[in-house]
Amino acid sequence: MSFRFGVLADSAEACAEGLALLARLAELGVKVEVSQPPAQVGGSRWVARAVPTEPAPVVRVAVEG
């Protein structure tokens, strides 16, 4: 399964801040790179995208039941 992360914002600056938050996923072992820098898609709507640079670590969870 492939993951993509998107940021929707009201300005280019807010979009960049959202991408910076996604970069914090590295603290959880998921490194991302920007696949689409902030772009205006209409009026005050901005979008940006990021994708993982490698597969996310596998986390096993025990389910009781």
PDB file of N, CA and C in Angstrom:
ATOM      1  N   MET A   1       0.845  -1.166   0.000  1.00  0.00           N
ATOM      2  CA  MET A   1       0.000   0.000   0.000  1.00  0.00           C
ATOM      3  C   MET A   1       0.895   1.236   0.000  1.00  0.00           C
ATOM      4  N   SER A   2       0.512   2.195  -0.793  1.00  0.00           N
ATOM      5  CA  SER A   2       1.274   3.426  -0.905  1.00  0.00           C
ATOM      6  C   SER A   2       0.537   4.554  -0.187  1.00  0.00           C
ATOM      7  N   PHE A   3       1.272   5.338   0.577  1.00  0.00           N
ATOM      8  CA  PHE A   3       0.679   6.460   1.302  1.00  0.00           C
ATOM      9  C   PHE A   3       1.131   7.765   0.687  1.00  0.00           C
ATOM     10  N   ARG A   4       0.237   8.744   0.693  1.00  0.00           N
ATOM     11  CA  ARG A   4       0.540  10.105   0.288  1.00  0.00           C
ATOM     12  C   ARG A   4      -0.096  11.010   1.330  1.00  0.00           C
ATOM     13  N   PHE A   5       0.580  12.097   1.642  1.00  0.00           N
ATOM     14  CA  PHE A   5       0.073  13.043   2.627  1.00  0.00           C
ATOM     15  C   PHE A   5      -0.170  14.370   1.934  1.00  0.00           C
ATOM     16  N   GLY A   6      -1.307  14.970   2.196  1.00  0.00           N
ATOM     17  CA  GLY A   6      -1.629  16.247   1.587  1.00  0.00           C
ATOM     18  C   GLY A   6      -1.822  17.326   2.626  1.00  0.00           C
ATOM     19  N   VAL A   7      -1.538  18.551   2.219  1.00  0.00           N
ATOM     20  CA  VAL A   7      -1.738  19.725   3.073  1.00  0.00           C
ATOM     21  C   VAL A   7      -2.615  20.694   2.287  1.00  0.00           C
ATOM     22  N   LEU A   8      -3.705  21.120   2.900  1.00  0.00           N
ATOM     23  CA  LEU A   8      -4.565  22.154   2.327  1.00  0.00           C
ATOM     24  C   LEU A   8      -4.506  23.345   3.265  1.00  0.00           C
ATOM     25  N   ALA A   9      -4.316  24.532   2.709  1.00  0.00           N
ATOM     26  CA  ALA A   9      -4.170  25.714   3.553  1.00  0.00           C
ATOM     27  C   ALA A   9      -4.676  26.959   2.833  1.00  0.00           C
ATOM     28  N   ASP A  10      -4.738  28.050   3.590  1.00  0.00           N
ATOM     29  CA  ASP A  10      -5.220  29.321   3.050  1.00  0.00           C
ATOM     30  C   ASP A  10      -4.116  30.194   2.471  1.00  0.00           C
ATOM     31  N   SER A  11      -2.847  29.808   2.666  1.00  0.00           N
ATOM     32  CA  SER A  11      -1.739  30.602   2.137  1.00  0.00           C
ATOM     33  C   SER A  11      -0.545  29.691   1.887  1.00  0.00           C
ATOM     34  N   ALA A  12       0.399  30.179   1.111  1.00  0.00           N
ATOM     35  CA  ALA A  12       1.617  29.412   0.844  1.00  0.00           C
ATOM     36  C   ALA A  12       2.397  29.181   2.136  1.00  0.00           C
ATOM     37  N   GLU A  13       2.410  30.178   3.005  1.00  0.00           N
ATOM     38  CA  GLU A  13       3.135  30.053   4.270  1.00  0.00           C
ATOM     39  C   GLU A  13       2.520  28.976   5.154  1.00  0.00           C
ATOM     40  N   ALA A  14       1.193  28.961   5.237  1.00  0.00           N
ATOM     41  CA  ALA A  14       0.514  27.945   6.049  1.00  0.00           C
ATOM     42  C   ALA A  14       0.725  26.558   5.455  1.00  0.00           C
ATOM     43  N   CYS A  15       0.761  26.477   4.144  1.00  0.00           N
ATOM     44  CA  CYS A  15       1.011  25.200   3.478  1.00  0.00           C
ATOM     45  C   CYS A  15       2.419  24.701   3.821  1.00  0.00           C
ATOM     46  N   ALA A  16       3.390  25.583   3.798  1.00  0.00           N
ATOM     47  CA  ALA A  16       4.767  25.217   4.145  1.00  0.00           C
ATOM     48  C   ALA A  16       4.853  24.774   5.606  1.00  0.00           C
ATOM     49  N   GLU A  17       4.082  25.424   6.484  1.00  0.00           N
ATOM     50  CA  GLU A  17       4.057  25.010   7.891  1.00  0.00           C
ATOM     51  C   GLU A  17       3.497  23.598   8.029  1.00  0.00           C
ATOM     52  N   GLY A  18       2.482  23.287   7.243  1.00  0.00           N
ATOM     53  CA  GLY A  18       1.921  21.938   7.252  1.00  0.00           C
ATOM     54  C   GLY A  18       2.927  20.904   6.800  1.00  0.00           C
ATOM     55  N   LEU A  19       3.713  21.233   5.777  1.00  0.00           N
ATOM     56  CA  LEU A  19       4.763  20.315   5.321  1.00  0.00           C
ATOM     57  C   LEU A  19       5.812  20.122   6.409  1.00  0.00           C
ATOM     58  N   ALA A  20       6.116  21.180   7.149  1.00  0.00           N
ATOM     59  CA  ALA A  20       7.085  21.066   8.235  1.00  0.00           C
ATOM     60  C   ALA A  20       6.567  20.128   9.324  1.00  0.00           C
ATOM     61  N   LEU A  21       5.266  20.163   9.572  1.00  0.00           N
ATOM     62  CA  LEU A  21       4.681  19.233  10.544  1.00  0.00           C
ATOM     63  C   LEU A  21       4.804  17.795  10.059  1.00  0.00           C
ATOM     64  N   LEU A  22       4.590  17.578   8.769  1.00  0.00           N
ATOM     65  CA  LEU A  22       4.738  16.231   8.221  1.00  0.00           C
ATOM     66  C   LEU A  22       6.170  15.731   8.372  1.00  0.00           C
ATOM     67  N   ALA A  23       7.131  16.628   8.297  1.00  0.00           N
ATOM     68  CA  ALA A  23       8.536  16.229   8.460  1.00  0.00           C
ATOM     69  C   ALA A  23       8.777  15.642   9.850  1.00  0.00           C
ATOM     70  N   ARG A  24       7.941  15.999  10.811  1.00  0.00           N
ATOM     71  CA  ARG A  24       8.089  15.459  12.174  1.00  0.00           C
ATOM     72  C   ARG A  24       7.738  13.974  12.249  1.00  0.00           C
ATOM     73  N   LEU A  25       7.155  13.432  11.185  1.00  0.00           N
ATOM     74  CA  LEU A  25       6.897  11.991  11.154  1.00  0.00           C
ATOM     75  C   LEU A  25       8.200  11.199  11.268  1.00  0.00           C
ATOM     76  N   ALA A  26       9.323  11.831  10.946  1.00  0.00           N
ATOM     77  CA  ALA A  26      10.621  11.165  11.076  1.00  0.00           C
ATOM     78  C   ALA A  26      10.870  10.731  12.517  1.00  0.00           C
ATOM     79  N   GLU A  27      10.294  11.451  13.468  1.00  0.00           N
ATOM     80  CA  GLU A  27      10.427  11.081  14.878  1.00  0.00           C
ATOM     81  C   GLU A  27       9.785   9.726  15.158  1.00  0.00           C
ATOM     82  N   LEU A  28       8.860   9.320  14.274  1.00  0.00           N
ATOM     83  CA  LEU A  28       8.193   8.024  14.405  1.00  0.00           C
ATOM     84  C   LEU A  28       8.765   6.995  13.434  1.00  0.00           C
ATOM     85  N   GLY A  29       9.848   7.366  12.758  1.00  0.00           N
ATOM     86  CA  GLY A  29      10.485   6.442  11.833  1.00  0.00           C
ATOM     87  C   GLY A  29       9.972   6.505  10.406  1.00  0.00           C
ATOM     88  N   VAL A  30       9.172   7.525  10.085  1.00  0.00           N
ATOM     89  CA  VAL A  30       8.632   7.677   8.731  1.00  0.00           C
ATOM     90  C   VAL A  30       9.183   8.969   8.138  1.00  0.00           C
ATOM     91  N   LYS A  31      10.114   8.838   7.217  1.00  0.00           N
ATOM     92  CA  LYS A  31      10.685  10.019   6.574  1.00  0.00           C
ATOM     93  C   LYS A  31       9.890  10.319   5.302  1.00  0.00           C
ATOM     94  N   VAL A  32       9.571  11.602   5.108  1.00  0.00           N
ATOM     95  CA  VAL A  32       8.806  12.002   3.925  1.00  0.00           C
ATOM     96  C   VAL A  32       9.581  13.044   3.132  1.00  0.00           C
ATOM     97  N   GLU A  33       9.269  13.097   1.850  1.00  0.00           N
ATOM     98  CA  GLU A  33       9.837  14.157   1.010  1.00  0.00           C
ATOM     99  C   GLU A  33       8.694  14.818   0.262  1.00  0.00           C
ATOM    100  N   VAL A  34       8.879  16.085  -0.050  1.00  0.00           N
ATOM    101  CA  VAL A  34       7.848  16.861  -0.739  1.00  0.00           C
ATOM    102  C   VAL A  34       7.765  16.376  -2.178  1.00  0.00           C
ATOM    103  N   SER A  35       6.571  15.965  -2.584  1.00  0.00           N
ATOM    104  CA  SER A  35       6.368  15.548  -3.971  1.00  0.00           C
ATOM    105  C   SER A  35       5.702  16.655  -4.791  1.00  0.00           C
ATOM    106  N   GLN A  36       5.054  17.584  -4.116  1.00  0.00           N
ATOM    107  CA  GLN A  36       4.473  18.751  -4.776  1.00  0.00           C
ATOM    108  C   GLN A  36       4.602  19.927  -3.812  1.00  0.00           C
ATOM    109  N   PRO A  37       5.415  20.913  -4.161  1.00  0.00           N
ATOM    110  CA  PRO A  37       5.541  22.083  -3.287  1.00  0.00           C
ATOM    111  C   PRO A  37       4.223  22.867  -3.269  1.00  0.00           C
ATOM    112  N   PRO A  38       4.070  23.791  -2.317  1.00  0.00           N
ATOM    113  CA  PRO A  38       2.830  24.562  -2.252  1.00  0.00           C
ATOM    114  C   PRO A  38       2.471  25.194  -3.589  1.00  0.00           C
ATOM    115  N   ALA A  39       1.218  24.984  -3.988  1.00  0.00           N
ATOM    116  CA  ALA A  39       0.730  25.552  -5.243  1.00  0.00           C
ATOM    117  C   ALA A  39      -0.670  26.102  -5.010  1.00  0.00           C
ATOM    118  N   GLN A  40      -0.940  27.257  -5.597  1.00  0.00           N
ATOM    119  CA  GLN A  40      -2.259  27.862  -5.468  1.00  0.00           C
ATOM    120  C   GLN A  40      -3.204  27.170  -6.441  1.00  0.00           C
ATOM    121  N   VAL A  41      -4.340  26.698  -5.929  1.00  0.00           N
ATOM    122  CA  VAL A  41      -5.285  25.983  -6.783  1.00  0.00           C
ATOM    123  C   VAL A  41      -6.569  26.773  -7.014  1.00  0.00           C
ATOM    124  N   GLY A  42      -6.637  27.954  -6.453  1.00  0.00           N
ATOM    125  CA  GLY A  42      -7.793  28.805  -6.690  1.00  0.00           C
ATOM    126  C   GLY A  42      -8.058  29.700  -5.494  1.00  0.00           C
ATOM    127  N   GLY A  43      -8.219  30.981  -5.750  1.00  0.00           N
ATOM    128  CA  GLY A  43      -8.507  31.920  -4.666  1.00  0.00           C
ATOM    129  C   GLY A  43      -7.459  31.828  -3.575  1.00  0.00           C
ATOM    130  N   SER A  44      -7.932  31.561  -2.366  1.00  0.00           N
ATOM    131  CA  SER A  44      -6.994  31.440  -1.244  1.00  0.00           C
ATOM    132  C   SER A  44      -6.840  29.970  -0.842  1.00  0.00           C
ATOM    133  N   ARG A  45      -6.854  29.085  -1.812  1.00  0.00           N
ATOM    134  CA  ARG A  45      -6.670  27.657  -1.547  1.00  0.00           C
ATOM    135  C   ARG A  45      -5.301  27.216  -2.058  1.00  0.00           C
ATOM    136  N   TRP A  46      -4.533  26.629  -1.160  1.00  0.00           N
ATOM    137  CA  TRP A  46      -3.203  26.147  -1.486  1.00  0.00           C
ATOM    138  C   TRP A  46      -3.115  24.670  -1.141  1.00  0.00           C
ATOM    139  N   VAL A  47      -2.337  23.930  -1.909  1.00  0.00           N
ATOM    140  CA  VAL A  47      -2.189  22.500  -1.676  1.00  0.00           C
ATOM    141  C   VAL A  47      -0.714  22.117  -1.824  1.00  0.00           C
ATOM    142  N   ALA A  48      -0.304  21.135  -1.057  1.00  0.00           N
ATOM    143  CA  ALA A  48       1.049  20.571  -1.164  1.00  0.00           C
ATOM    144  C   ALA A  48       0.934  19.088  -0.840  1.00  0.00           C
ATOM    145  N   ARG A  49       1.902  18.309  -1.316  1.00  0.00           N
ATOM    146  CA  ARG A  49       1.874  16.866  -1.058  1.00  0.00           C
ATOM    147  C   ARG A  49       3.266  16.374  -0.679  1.00  0.00           C
ATOM    148  N   ALA A  50       3.261  15.298   0.113  1.00  0.00           N
ATOM    149  CA  ALA A  50       4.508  14.644   0.505  1.00  0.00           C
ATOM    150  C   ALA A  50       4.286  13.136   0.466  1.00  0.00           C
ATOM    151  N   VAL A  51       5.365  12.399   0.225  1.00  0.00           N
ATOM    152  CA  VAL A  51       5.307  10.937   0.193  1.00  0.00           C
ATOM    153  C   VAL A  51       6.438  10.379   1.040  1.00  0.00           C
ATOM    154  N   PRO A  52       6.232   9.195   1.618  1.00  0.00           N
ATOM    155  CA  PRO A  52       7.317   8.556   2.375  1.00  0.00           C
ATOM    156  C   PRO A  52       8.485   8.218   1.456  1.00  0.00           C
ATOM    157  N   THR A  53       9.707   8.315   1.978  1.00  0.00           N
ATOM    158  CA  THR A  53      10.889   7.977   1.184  1.00  0.00           C
ATOM    159  C   THR A  53      11.218   6.499   1.276  1.00  0.00           C
ATOM    160  N   GLU A  54      10.619   5.809   2.241  1.00  0.00           N
ATOM    161  CA  GLU A  54      10.830   4.375   2.412  1.00  0.00           C
ATOM    162  C   GLU A  54       9.594   3.808   3.090  1.00  0.00           C
ATOM    163  N   PRO A  55       9.411   2.502   3.040  1.00  0.00           N
ATOM    164  CA  PRO A  55       8.231   1.923   3.693  1.00  0.00           C
ATOM    165  C   PRO A  55       8.208   2.234   5.187  1.00  0.00           C
ATOM    166  N   ALA A  56       7.029   2.435   5.710  1.00  0.00           N
ATOM    167  CA  ALA A  56       6.876   2.702   7.137  1.00  0.00           C
ATOM    168  C   ALA A  56       7.257   1.467   7.942  1.00  0.00           C
ATOM    169  N   PRO A  57       7.787   1.667   9.145  1.00  0.00           N
ATOM    170  CA  PRO A  57       8.125   0.516   9.973  1.00  0.00           C
ATOM    171  C   PRO A  57       6.872  -0.282  10.338  1.00  0.00           C
ATOM    172  N   VAL A  58       7.043  -1.568  10.446  1.00  0.00           N
ATOM    173  CA  VAL A  58       5.924  -2.434  10.808  1.00  0.00           C
ATOM    174  C   VAL A  58       5.755  -2.416  12.320  1.00  0.00           C
ATOM    175  N   VAL A  59       4.547  -2.158  12.747  1.00  0.00           N
ATOM    176  CA  VAL A  59       4.234  -2.159  14.175  1.00  0.00           C
ATOM    177  C   VAL A  59       3.227  -3.277  14.405  1.00  0.00           C
ATOM    178  N   ARG A  60       3.578  -4.210  15.232  1.00  0.00           N
ATOM    179  CA  ARG A  60       2.686  -5.333  15.508  1.00  0.00           C
ATOM    180  C   ARG A  60       1.909  -5.033  16.791  1.00  0.00           C
ATOM    181  N   VAL A  61       0.621  -5.237  16.708  1.00  0.00           N
ATOM    182  CA  VAL A  61      -0.248  -4.986  17.847  1.00  0.00           C
ATOM    183  C   VAL A  61      -0.963  -6.286  18.194  1.00  0.00           C
ATOM    184  N   ALA A  62      -0.890  -6.664  19.451  1.00  0.00           N
ATOM    185  CA  ALA A  62      -1.581  -7.865  19.895  1.00  0.00           C
ATOM    186  C   ALA A  62      -3.046  -7.546  20.115  1.00  0.00           C
ATOM    187  N   VAL A  63      -3.917  -8.385  19.578  1.00  0.00           N
ATOM    188  CA  VAL A  63      -5.347  -8.196  19.727  1.00  0.00           C
ATOM    189  C   VAL A  63      -5.887  -9.320  20.589  1.00  0.00           C
ATOM    190  N   GLU A  64      -6.513  -8.949  21.661  1.00  0.00           N
ATOM    191  CA  GLU A  64      -7.104  -9.942  22.557  1.00  0.00           C
ATOM    192  C   GLU A  64      -8.560 -10.132  22.191  1.00  0.00           C
ATOM    193  N   GLY A  65      -9.027 -11.328  22.331  1.00  0.00           N
ATOM    194  CA  GLY A  65     -10.435 -11.494  22.049  1.00  0.00           C
ATOM    195  C   GLY A  65     -10.765 -12.863  21.835  1.00  0.00           C
TER     196      GLY A  65
END
